[in-house]
Amino acid sequence: MPLVFLWRRIHLGRNPLARVWDRIEAAILVGGVAAALLGVPLAAAAGSEAYASAMARSALETAGRHSTTAFLLEDAPPARFGVDGTPSTQTAEVAARWALPDGTFREAPVAADLGASAGEGVTVWLDESDALVAPPVTPADATSTGVGVGVGVWLIAVTLLAAGYLLARHLLDRARRAAWDREWERVGQDWTRS
């Protein structure tokens, strides 16, 4: 049923009751749908570019960072559980110590799972100067970024096209109502002369 309604809205054919305003609205709707479909390759290109950029960042960060195991010096806060009994995936900053390649040790707060005990090992990432850094971007992160950018760009484009169509339809409705009022006024004058 909705497809039949859409088809009738787009394809006015030789309907003598179809006004110029109706044909303009149909053309705007067809143009908007065509633009949304043409936007798919553009959104895919934007997503591909974001993916390539994230993969380059991943390669750069992976080359300049290394991981080591840090051992917690104190217990993390107790674990939290959801209403369904699943443990929380939250982390907390806990003091830890790790060895550097030159044999010295460093201590600093690191992210540890809630409920972790003192003495447990956690993976930390260090840069070339052995300072704590975030883990490198993974290929899975790059894929998520690419897909997110592509879908996001397309959804923004479709939203703008839909808003443009609704605005045009509102303006066309105003023009239709004004034409209808003028026509009734003319008919009213003709009827009063008779």
N, C-alpha and C. Protein backbone atom coordinates (compact mmCIF):
# COMPACT_ATOMS: atom_id res chain seq x y z
N MET A 1 0.81 -1.20 0.00
CA MET A 1 0.00 0.00 0.00
C MET A 1 0.86 1.26 0.00
N PRO A 2 1.91 1.36 0.87
CA PRO A 2 2.72 2.57 0.83
C PRO A 2 3.43 2.75 -0.53
N LEU A 3 3.83 1.65 -1.18
CA LEU A 3 4.50 1.77 -2.47
C LEU A 3 3.54 2.30 -3.54
N VAL A 4 2.28 1.88 -3.47
CA VAL A 4 1.28 2.38 -4.42
C VAL A 4 1.09 3.89 -4.22
N PHE A 5 1.00 4.30 -2.96
CA PHE A 5 0.84 5.73 -2.66
C PHE A 5 2.05 6.51 -3.17
N LEU A 6 3.26 5.99 -2.93
CA LEU A 6 4.48 6.66 -3.38
C LEU A 6 4.50 6.73 -4.91
N TRP A 7 4.13 5.64 -5.57
CA TRP A 7 4.11 5.63 -7.03
C TRP A 7 3.13 6.67 -7.57
N ARG A 8 1.98 6.76 -6.95
CA ARG A 8 1.00 7.75 -7.41
C ARG A 8 1.48 9.17 -7.15
N ARG A 9 2.25 9.36 -6.09
CA ARG A 9 2.76 10.70 -5.78
C ARG A 9 3.83 11.10 -6.78
N ILE A 10 4.63 10.13 -7.23
CA ILE A 10 5.72 10.42 -8.16
C ILE A 10 5.22 10.46 -9.60
N HIS A 11 4.44 9.47 -9.98
CA HIS A 11 4.02 9.34 -11.37
C HIS A 11 2.61 9.90 -11.54
N LEU A 12 2.54 11.15 -11.97
CA LEU A 12 1.25 11.79 -12.13
C LEU A 12 0.64 11.50 -13.50
N GLY A 13 1.49 11.10 -14.45
CA GLY A 13 1.01 10.73 -15.77
C GLY A 13 0.25 11.87 -16.43
N ARG A 14 -0.84 11.53 -17.11
CA ARG A 14 -1.64 12.53 -17.81
C ARG A 14 -2.88 12.92 -17.01
N ASN A 15 -2.80 12.78 -15.73
CA ASN A 15 -3.93 13.10 -14.86
C ASN A 15 -4.29 14.58 -15.03
N PRO A 16 -5.51 14.87 -15.50
CA PRO A 16 -5.88 16.27 -15.71
C PRO A 16 -6.05 17.05 -14.40
N LEU A 17 -6.18 16.33 -13.28
CA LEU A 17 -6.32 17.02 -12.00
C LEU A 17 -4.97 17.38 -11.38
N ALA A 18 -3.90 16.84 -11.95
CA ALA A 18 -2.57 17.15 -11.41
C ALA A 18 -2.20 18.57 -11.78
N ARG A 19 -1.86 19.36 -10.77
CA ARG A 19 -1.51 20.75 -10.98
C ARG A 19 -0.01 20.88 -11.20
N VAL A 20 0.44 22.03 -11.60
CA VAL A 20 1.86 22.30 -11.77
C VAL A 20 2.59 22.07 -10.46
N TRP A 21 1.95 22.48 -9.35
CA TRP A 21 2.56 22.31 -8.02
C TRP A 21 2.79 20.83 -7.72
N ASP A 22 1.85 19.98 -8.14
CA ASP A 22 1.99 18.54 -7.90
C ASP A 22 3.16 17.98 -8.70
N ARG A 23 3.32 18.43 -9.92
CA ARG A 23 4.41 17.96 -10.77
C ARG A 23 5.76 18.44 -10.23
N ILE A 24 5.79 19.67 -9.71
CA ILE A 24 7.04 20.17 -9.11
C ILE A 24 7.39 19.34 -7.88
N GLU A 25 6.40 19.05 -7.04
CA GLU A 25 6.66 18.23 -5.85
C GLU A 25 7.15 16.85 -6.23
N ALA A 26 6.55 16.24 -7.25
CA ALA A 26 6.99 14.92 -7.70
C ALA A 26 8.43 14.98 -8.21
N ALA A 27 8.77 16.03 -8.94
CA ALA A 27 10.14 16.17 -9.45
C ALA A 27 11.13 16.33 -8.31
N ILE A 28 10.76 17.11 -7.27
CA ILE A 28 11.64 17.29 -6.12
C ILE A 28 11.84 15.95 -5.39
N LEU A 29 10.77 15.19 -5.24
CA LEU A 29 10.87 13.89 -4.57
C LEU A 29 11.75 12.93 -5.36
N VAL A 30 11.56 12.86 -6.67
CA VAL A 30 12.39 11.98 -7.50
C VAL A 30 13.85 12.43 -7.44
N GLY A 31 14.08 13.74 -7.50
CA GLY A 31 15.44 14.26 -7.41
C GLY A 31 16.09 13.94 -6.07
N GLY A 32 15.31 14.03 -5.00
CA GLY A 32 15.85 13.71 -3.68
C GLY A 32 16.22 12.25 -3.53
N VAL A 33 15.37 11.36 -4.04
CA VAL A 33 15.66 9.92 -3.98
C VAL A 33 16.90 9.61 -4.83
N ALA A 34 16.97 10.23 -6.03
CA ALA A 34 18.14 10.01 -6.89
C ALA A 34 19.42 10.51 -6.21
N ALA A 35 19.34 11.68 -5.57
CA ALA A 35 20.50 12.22 -4.87
C ALA A 35 20.92 11.31 -3.71
N ALA A 36 19.93 10.75 -3.00
CA ALA A 36 20.27 9.83 -1.90
C ALA A 36 20.96 8.58 -2.43
N LEU A 37 20.50 8.08 -3.56
CA LEU A 37 21.14 6.89 -4.15
C LEU A 37 22.52 7.21 -4.68
N LEU A 38 22.67 8.39 -5.28
CA LEU A 38 23.99 8.80 -5.77
C LEU A 38 24.94 9.11 -4.63
N GLY A 39 24.39 9.40 -3.45
CA GLY A 39 25.22 9.67 -2.28
C GLY A 39 25.88 8.44 -1.69
N VAL A 40 25.38 7.25 -2.05
CA VAL A 40 25.96 6.02 -1.50
C VAL A 40 27.43 5.88 -1.89
N PRO A 41 27.80 6.03 -3.18
CA PRO A 41 29.22 5.92 -3.50
C PRO A 41 30.07 7.01 -2.85
N LEU A 42 29.51 8.20 -2.71
CA LEU A 42 30.27 9.28 -2.06
C LEU A 42 30.49 8.98 -0.58
N ALA A 43 29.47 8.45 0.06
CA ALA A 43 29.61 8.07 1.48
C ALA A 43 30.60 6.92 1.62
N ALA A 44 30.57 5.98 0.67
CA ALA A 44 31.52 4.87 0.70
C ALA A 44 32.95 5.38 0.51
N ALA A 45 33.13 6.38 -0.34
CA ALA A 45 34.46 6.96 -0.54
C ALA A 45 34.94 7.65 0.74
N ALA A 46 34.04 8.36 1.42
CA ALA A 46 34.42 9.02 2.68
C ALA A 46 34.78 7.98 3.73
N GLY A 47 34.00 6.89 3.80
CA GLY A 47 34.32 5.82 4.74
C GLY A 47 35.63 5.15 4.42
N SER A 48 35.90 4.95 3.13
CA SER A 48 37.16 4.32 2.71
C SER A 48 38.34 5.21 3.07
N GLU A 49 38.18 6.51 2.88
CA GLU A 49 39.26 7.45 3.23
C GLU A 49 39.51 7.44 4.75
N ALA A 50 38.45 7.41 5.53
CA ALA A 50 38.60 7.36 7.00
C ALA A 50 39.28 6.05 7.41
N TYR A 51 38.90 4.95 6.76
CA TYR A 51 39.53 3.65 7.06
C TYR A 51 41.02 3.70 6.74
N ALA A 52 41.38 4.22 5.56
CA ALA A 52 42.79 4.28 5.17
C ALA A 52 43.59 5.15 6.14
N SER A 53 42.99 6.26 6.57
CA SER A 53 43.66 7.14 7.51
C SER A 53 43.87 6.45 8.86
N ALA A 54 42.85 5.73 9.32
CA ALA A 54 42.97 5.01 10.60
C ALA A 54 43.98 3.87 10.50
N MET A 55 44.03 3.20 9.35
CA MET A 55 45.01 2.12 9.19
C MET A 55 46.43 2.69 9.17
N ALA A 56 46.62 3.86 8.55
CA ALA A 56 47.95 4.49 8.55
C ALA A 56 48.34 4.87 9.98
N ARG A 57 47.37 5.39 10.72
CA ARG A 57 47.63 5.73 12.12
C ARG A 57 47.96 4.47 12.92
N SER A 58 47.25 3.39 12.64
CA SER A 58 47.51 2.12 13.32
C SER A 58 48.94 1.64 13.07
N ALA A 59 49.36 1.70 11.81
CA ALA A 59 50.72 1.25 11.47
C ALA A 59 51.76 2.12 12.16
N LEU A 60 51.53 3.43 12.18
CA LEU A 60 52.47 4.34 12.82
C LEU A 60 52.54 4.09 14.32
N GLU A 61 51.37 3.95 14.96
CA GLU A 61 51.35 3.74 16.40
C GLU A 61 51.92 2.37 16.77
N THR A 62 51.62 1.35 15.98
CA THR A 62 52.13 0.01 16.28
C THR A 62 53.65 -0.01 16.18
N ALA A 63 54.21 0.72 15.22
CA ALA A 63 55.67 0.76 15.06
C ALA A 63 56.34 1.52 16.21
N GLY A 64 55.66 2.52 16.78
CA GLY A 64 56.29 3.35 17.80
C GLY A 64 55.91 3.00 19.23
N ARG A 65 55.14 1.95 19.43
CA ARG A 65 54.71 1.61 20.79
C ARG A 65 54.99 0.13 21.06
N HIS A 66 55.20 -0.16 22.30
CA HIS A 66 55.37 -1.56 22.70
C HIS A 66 54.63 -1.79 24.02
N SER A 67 54.26 -3.04 24.21
CA SER A 67 53.52 -3.36 25.43
C SER A 67 54.42 -4.06 26.43
N THR A 68 54.02 -3.94 27.67
CA THR A 68 54.69 -4.65 28.75
C THR A 68 53.65 -4.96 29.81
N THR A 69 54.04 -5.80 30.76
CA THR A 69 53.11 -6.15 31.83
C THR A 69 53.44 -5.35 33.08
N ALA A 70 52.42 -4.67 33.60
CA ALA A 70 52.55 -3.93 34.85
C ALA A 70 51.82 -4.72 35.92
N PHE A 71 52.37 -4.73 37.12
CA PHE A 71 51.76 -5.47 38.22
C PHE A 71 51.14 -4.48 39.21
N LEU A 72 49.89 -4.75 39.55
CA LEU A 72 49.15 -3.85 40.43
C LEU A 72 49.76 -3.85 41.82
N LEU A 73 49.85 -2.66 42.40
CA LEU A 73 50.39 -2.51 43.75
C LEU A 73 49.30 -2.49 44.81
N GLU A 74 48.06 -2.38 44.37
CA GLU A 74 46.92 -2.36 45.31
C GLU A 74 45.71 -2.96 44.62
N ASP A 75 44.70 -3.28 45.40
CA ASP A 75 43.47 -3.83 44.84
C ASP A 75 42.67 -2.75 44.13
N ALA A 76 42.04 -3.13 43.05
CA ALA A 76 41.12 -2.22 42.37
C ALA A 76 39.82 -2.19 43.16
N PRO A 77 38.98 -1.18 42.95
CA PRO A 77 37.67 -1.17 43.62
C PRO A 77 36.89 -2.44 43.29
N PRO A 78 35.96 -2.83 44.15
CA PRO A 78 35.23 -4.08 43.92
C PRO A 78 34.46 -4.05 42.60
N ALA A 79 34.30 -5.23 42.04
CA ALA A 79 33.56 -5.37 40.78
C ALA A 79 32.09 -5.05 40.99
N ARG A 80 31.48 -4.52 39.96
CA ARG A 80 30.05 -4.23 39.99
C ARG A 80 29.36 -5.20 39.04
N PHE A 81 28.13 -5.52 39.39
CA PHE A 81 27.37 -6.45 38.57
C PHE A 81 26.06 -5.78 38.16
N GLY A 82 25.64 -6.07 36.92
CA GLY A 82 24.38 -5.55 36.42
C GLY A 82 23.22 -6.29 37.06
N VAL A 83 22.01 -5.84 36.79
CA VAL A 83 20.83 -6.47 37.36
C VAL A 83 20.67 -7.90 36.85
N ASP A 84 21.26 -8.20 35.68
CA ASP A 84 21.17 -9.57 35.16
C ASP A 84 22.34 -10.44 35.62
N GLY A 85 23.21 -9.89 36.48
CA GLY A 85 24.30 -10.67 37.04
C GLY A 85 25.59 -10.62 36.24
N THR A 86 25.61 -9.91 35.12
CA THR A 86 26.84 -9.82 34.34
C THR A 86 27.77 -8.79 34.97
N PRO A 87 29.07 -9.10 35.00
CA PRO A 87 30.02 -8.17 35.60
C PRO A 87 30.20 -6.92 34.74
N SER A 88 30.49 -5.82 35.39
CA SER A 88 30.72 -4.54 34.71
C SER A 88 32.03 -4.59 33.94
N THR A 89 32.10 -3.88 32.85
CA THR A 89 33.34 -3.81 32.08
C THR A 89 34.10 -2.52 32.39
N GLN A 90 33.73 -1.84 33.46
CA GLN A 90 34.39 -0.60 33.83
C GLN A 90 35.79 -0.88 34.36
N THR A 91 36.62 0.16 34.25
CA THR A 91 37.98 0.06 34.80
C THR A 91 38.18 1.19 35.80
N ALA A 92 39.25 1.08 36.56
CA ALA A 92 39.60 2.11 37.54
C ALA A 92 41.11 2.32 37.47
N GLU A 93 41.54 3.52 37.85
CA GLU A 93 42.97 3.82 37.90
C GLU A 93 43.55 3.22 39.19
N VAL A 94 44.56 2.37 39.03
CA VAL A 94 45.18 1.68 40.17
C VAL A 94 46.70 1.80 40.02
N ALA A 95 47.39 2.02 41.12
CA ALA A 95 48.86 2.12 41.09
C ALA A 95 49.45 0.79 40.65
N ALA A 96 50.46 0.86 39.78
CA ALA A 96 51.10 -0.35 39.27
C ALA A 96 52.59 -0.07 39.03
N ARG A 97 53.34 -1.14 38.89
CA ARG A 97 54.79 -1.04 38.65
C ARG A 97 55.14 -1.97 37.50
N TRP A 98 56.07 -1.50 36.65
CA TRP A 98 56.54 -2.33 35.55
C TRP A 98 58.02 -2.08 35.34
N ALA A 99 58.67 -3.07 34.73
CA ALA A 99 60.11 -2.99 34.47
C ALA A 99 60.34 -2.42 33.08
N LEU A 100 61.38 -1.61 32.97
CA LEU A 100 61.78 -1.04 31.69
C LEU A 100 62.91 -1.88 31.12
N PRO A 101 63.20 -1.76 29.82
CA PRO A 101 64.27 -2.57 29.21
C PRO A 101 65.64 -2.35 29.83
N ASP A 102 65.88 -1.16 30.43
CA ASP A 102 67.19 -0.91 31.03
C ASP A 102 67.30 -1.46 32.45
N GLY A 103 66.26 -2.14 32.94
CA GLY A 103 66.30 -2.76 34.25
C GLY A 103 65.73 -1.91 35.36
N THR A 104 65.37 -0.68 35.08
CA THR A 104 64.75 0.17 36.09
C THR A 104 63.25 -0.10 36.13
N PHE A 105 62.62 0.44 37.18
CA PHE A 105 61.17 0.26 37.34
C PHE A 105 60.48 1.61 37.31
N ARG A 106 59.23 1.58 36.89
CA ARG A 106 58.39 2.78 36.91
C ARG A 106 57.10 2.44 37.62
N GLU A 107 56.56 3.44 38.29
CA GLU A 107 55.25 3.30 38.93
C GLU A 107 54.35 4.43 38.47
N ALA A 108 53.08 4.07 38.22
CA ALA A 108 52.09 5.07 37.82
C ALA A 108 50.72 4.43 37.89
N PRO A 109 49.67 5.23 37.95
CA PRO A 109 48.32 4.66 37.90
C PRO A 109 48.03 4.14 36.48
N VAL A 110 47.44 2.96 36.41
CA VAL A 110 47.06 2.37 35.13
C VAL A 110 45.61 1.91 35.22
N ALA A 111 45.00 1.69 34.08
CA ALA A 111 43.62 1.21 34.05
C ALA A 111 43.60 -0.29 34.34
N ALA A 112 42.79 -0.67 35.33
CA ALA A 112 42.63 -2.08 35.69
C ALA A 112 41.15 -2.37 35.83
N ASP A 113 40.77 -3.61 35.54
CA ASP A 113 39.38 -4.02 35.68
C ASP A 113 38.96 -3.92 37.15
N LEU A 114 37.69 -3.57 37.36
CA LEU A 114 37.18 -3.55 38.72
C LEU A 114 37.28 -4.96 39.30
N GLY A 115 37.68 -5.04 40.54
CA GLY A 115 37.81 -6.33 41.21
C GLY A 115 39.18 -6.95 41.07
N ALA A 116 40.10 -6.33 40.32
CA ALA A 116 41.46 -6.88 40.18
C ALA A 116 42.19 -6.78 41.51
N SER A 117 43.02 -7.77 41.78
CA SER A 117 43.75 -7.82 43.05
C SER A 117 45.19 -7.36 42.88
N ALA A 118 45.78 -6.93 43.99
CA ALA A 118 47.18 -6.53 43.98
C ALA A 118 48.02 -7.71 43.51
N GLY A 119 49.01 -7.43 42.69
CA GLY A 119 49.88 -8.48 42.16
C GLY A 119 49.45 -8.99 40.79
N GLU A 120 48.22 -8.71 40.39
CA GLU A 120 47.78 -9.13 39.05
C GLU A 120 48.49 -8.30 37.99
N GLY A 121 48.72 -8.92 36.86
CA GLY A 121 49.36 -8.22 35.75
C GLY A 121 48.34 -7.63 34.79
N VAL A 122 48.63 -6.43 34.31
CA VAL A 122 47.81 -5.79 33.29
C VAL A 122 48.74 -5.31 32.19
N THR A 123 48.26 -5.31 30.97
CA THR A 123 49.06 -4.86 29.84
C THR A 123 49.01 -3.34 29.76
N VAL A 124 50.20 -2.73 29.65
CA VAL A 124 50.30 -1.29 29.45
C VAL A 124 51.12 -1.06 28.18
N TRP A 125 50.87 0.09 27.56
CA TRP A 125 51.58 0.45 26.34
C TRP A 125 52.49 1.63 26.61
N LEU A 126 53.70 1.54 26.07
CA LEU A 126 54.71 2.57 26.26
C LEU A 126 55.18 3.08 24.90
N ASP A 127 55.55 4.36 24.86
CA ASP A 127 56.10 4.89 23.61
C ASP A 127 57.61 4.70 23.61
N GLU A 128 58.29 5.31 22.65
CA GLU A 128 59.74 5.11 22.52
C GLU A 128 60.52 5.67 23.70
N SER A 129 59.93 6.64 24.42
CA SER A 129 60.61 7.18 25.61
C SER A 129 60.13 6.50 26.89
N ASP A 130 59.44 5.37 26.73
CA ASP A 130 58.91 4.56 27.84
C ASP A 130 57.88 5.30 28.69
N ALA A 131 57.16 6.24 28.09
CA ALA A 131 56.06 6.91 28.78
C ALA A 131 54.77 6.16 28.47
N LEU A 132 53.85 6.16 29.43
CA LEU A 132 52.56 5.49 29.22
C LEU A 132 51.77 6.18 28.10
N VAL A 133 51.23 5.37 27.22
CA VAL A 133 50.39 5.89 26.13
C VAL A 133 49.20 4.96 25.95
N ALA A 134 48.23 5.40 25.18
CA ALA A 134 47.06 4.58 24.87
C ALA A 134 47.47 3.45 23.93
N PRO A 135 46.73 2.36 23.93
CA PRO A 135 47.05 1.28 22.99
C PRO A 135 46.94 1.78 21.55
N PRO A 136 47.70 1.18 20.63
CA PRO A 136 47.61 1.62 19.24
C PRO A 136 46.24 1.29 18.65
N VAL A 137 45.87 2.05 17.63
CA VAL A 137 44.63 1.79 16.91
C VAL A 137 44.74 0.42 16.25
N THR A 138 43.73 -0.41 16.42
CA THR A 138 43.74 -1.74 15.83
C THR A 138 43.04 -1.72 14.47
N PRO A 139 43.28 -2.74 13.63
CA PRO A 139 42.55 -2.81 12.36
C PRO A 139 41.03 -2.87 12.57
N ALA A 140 40.58 -3.48 13.64
CA ALA A 140 39.14 -3.51 13.92
C ALA A 140 38.62 -2.10 14.22
N ASP A 141 39.41 -1.30 14.94
CA ASP A 141 39.04 0.09 15.20
C ASP A 141 38.97 0.87 13.90
N ALA A 142 39.93 0.62 13.00
CA ALA A 142 39.95 1.31 11.71
C ALA A 142 38.73 0.94 10.89
N THR A 143 38.35 -0.33 10.92
CA THR A 143 37.16 -0.77 10.19
C THR A 143 35.91 -0.10 10.76
N SER A 144 35.80 -0.07 12.07
CA SER A 144 34.65 0.58 12.70
C SER A 144 34.59 2.05 12.34
N THR A 145 35.73 2.71 12.32
CA THR A 145 35.78 4.13 11.96
C THR A 145 35.31 4.33 10.52
N GLY A 146 35.82 3.51 9.61
CA GLY A 146 35.44 3.63 8.21
C GLY A 146 33.96 3.41 7.98
N VAL A 147 33.42 2.36 8.59
CA VAL A 147 31.99 2.08 8.45
C VAL A 147 31.17 3.20 9.09
N GLY A 148 31.57 3.65 10.26
CA GLY A 148 30.85 4.71 10.95
C GLY A 148 30.83 6.01 10.16
N VAL A 149 31.96 6.38 9.58
CA VAL A 149 32.02 7.61 8.78
C VAL A 149 31.16 7.47 7.54
N GLY A 150 31.26 6.34 6.85
CA GLY A 150 30.46 6.14 5.63
C GLY A 150 28.97 6.19 5.91
N VAL A 151 28.54 5.46 6.90
CA VAL A 151 27.10 5.45 7.25
C VAL A 151 26.68 6.82 7.76
N GLY A 152 27.51 7.44 8.57
CA GLY A 152 27.18 8.76 9.11
C GLY A 152 27.03 9.81 8.02
N VAL A 153 27.95 9.83 7.06
CA VAL A 153 27.87 10.79 5.96
C VAL A 153 26.59 10.58 5.17
N TRP A 154 26.27 9.32 4.88
CA TRP A 154 25.06 9.04 4.10
C TRP A 154 23.80 9.43 4.87
N LEU A 155 23.76 9.13 6.17
CA LEU A 155 22.58 9.49 6.97
C LEU A 155 22.41 11.00 7.08
N ILE A 156 23.50 11.72 7.20
CA ILE A 156 23.41 13.18 7.23
C ILE A 156 22.87 13.70 5.90
N ALA A 157 23.38 13.15 4.80
CA ALA A 157 22.90 13.58 3.48
C ALA A 157 21.42 13.27 3.31
N VAL A 158 20.99 12.09 3.71
CA VAL A 158 19.57 11.72 3.58
C VAL A 158 18.71 12.62 4.47
N THR A 159 19.19 12.92 5.66
CA THR A 159 18.44 13.80 6.56
C THR A 159 18.28 15.19 5.95
N LEU A 160 19.36 15.72 5.37
CA LEU A 160 19.28 17.03 4.74
C LEU A 160 18.35 17.00 3.52
N LEU A 161 18.42 15.93 2.74
CA LEU A 161 17.52 15.81 1.58
C LEU A 161 16.06 15.73 2.03
N ALA A 162 15.80 14.96 3.07
CA ALA A 162 14.43 14.83 3.57
C ALA A 162 13.94 16.18 4.11
N ALA A 163 14.80 16.89 4.82
CA ALA A 163 14.41 18.21 5.33
C ALA A 163 14.14 19.17 4.18
N GLY A 164 14.97 19.11 3.15
CA GLY A 164 14.75 19.95 1.97
C GLY A 164 13.43 19.63 1.29
N TYR A 165 13.12 18.33 1.18
CA TYR A 165 11.84 17.94 0.57
C TYR A 165 10.66 18.44 1.40
N LEU A 166 10.75 18.26 2.72
CA LEU A 166 9.65 18.71 3.58
C LEU A 166 9.47 20.22 3.53
N LEU A 167 10.57 20.96 3.46
CA LEU A 167 10.47 22.41 3.34
C LEU A 167 9.83 22.79 2.00
N ALA A 168 10.29 22.15 0.92
CA ALA A 168 9.71 22.44 -0.39
C ALA A 168 8.22 22.09 -0.41
N ARG A 169 7.88 20.97 0.22
CA ARG A 169 6.47 20.57 0.25
C ARG A 169 5.64 21.60 1.03
N HIS A 170 6.19 22.09 2.13
CA HIS A 170 5.49 23.12 2.92
C HIS A 170 5.26 24.37 2.08
N LEU A 171 6.29 24.82 1.36
CA LEU A 171 6.16 26.01 0.52
C LEU A 171 5.16 25.76 -0.62
N LEU A 172 5.22 24.56 -1.20
CA LEU A 172 4.26 24.23 -2.27
C LEU A 172 2.84 24.17 -1.73
N ASP A 173 2.66 23.65 -0.53
CA ASP A 173 1.32 23.62 0.08
C ASP A 173 0.79 25.04 0.28
N ARG A 174 1.65 25.95 0.71
CA ARG A 174 1.23 27.34 0.87
C ARG A 174 0.82 27.93 -0.47
N ALA A 175 1.58 27.64 -1.52
CA ALA A 175 1.24 28.14 -2.85
C ALA A 175 -0.06 27.52 -3.33
N ARG A 176 -0.26 26.23 -3.05
CA ARG A 176 -1.51 25.57 -3.46
C ARG A 176 -2.71 26.18 -2.73
N ARG A 177 -2.54 26.43 -1.43
CA ARG A 177 -3.65 27.03 -0.67
C ARG A 177 -3.96 28.44 -1.17
N ALA A 178 -2.93 29.21 -1.49
CA ALA A 178 -3.15 30.57 -1.99
C ALA A 178 -3.86 30.52 -3.35
N ALA A 179 -3.45 29.59 -4.22
CA ALA A 179 -4.13 29.45 -5.52
C ALA A 179 -5.58 29.01 -5.33
N TRP A 180 -5.79 28.11 -4.38
CA TRP A 180 -7.14 27.63 -4.08
C TRP A 180 -8.01 28.78 -3.57
N ASP A 181 -7.48 29.63 -2.70
CA ASP A 181 -8.22 30.79 -2.18
C ASP A 181 -8.56 31.76 -3.31
N ARG A 182 -7.59 32.02 -4.20
CA ARG A 182 -7.87 32.92 -5.33
C ARG A 182 -8.97 32.34 -6.23
N GLU A 183 -8.91 31.03 -6.44
CA GLU A 183 -9.92 30.39 -7.29
C GLU A 183 -11.31 30.47 -6.66
N TRP A 184 -11.39 30.25 -5.34
CA TRP A 184 -12.69 30.35 -4.66
C TRP A 184 -13.21 31.78 -4.69
N GLU A 185 -12.29 32.73 -4.57
CA GLU A 185 -12.71 34.12 -4.62
C GLU A 185 -13.28 34.44 -6.01
N ARG A 186 -12.61 33.96 -7.06
CA ARG A 186 -13.11 34.19 -8.42
C ARG A 186 -14.45 33.51 -8.63
N VAL A 187 -14.58 32.27 -8.16
CA VAL A 187 -15.85 31.55 -8.30
C VAL A 187 -16.94 32.26 -7.52
N GLY A 188 -16.61 32.75 -6.32
CA GLY A 188 -17.59 33.46 -5.50
C GLY A 188 -18.10 34.72 -6.22
N GLN A 189 -17.20 35.44 -6.89
CA GLN A 189 -17.62 36.62 -7.63
C GLN A 189 -18.52 36.24 -8.81
N ASP A 190 -18.17 35.13 -9.49
CA ASP A 190 -19.00 34.68 -10.61
C ASP A 190 -20.39 34.27 -10.12
N TRP A 191 -20.49 33.65 -8.99
CA TRP A 191 -21.77 33.20 -8.48
C TRP A 191 -22.65 34.37 -8.03
N THR A 192 -22.01 35.40 -7.51
CA THR A 192 -22.81 36.54 -7.03
C THR A 192 -23.35 37.38 -8.19
N ARG A 193 -22.71 37.33 -9.36
CA ARG A 193 -23.18 38.07 -10.52
C ARG A 193 -24.39 37.39 -11.16
N SER A 194 -24.53 36.12 -10.96
CA SER A 194 -25.60 35.37 -11.64
C SER A 194 -26.95 35.64 -11.10
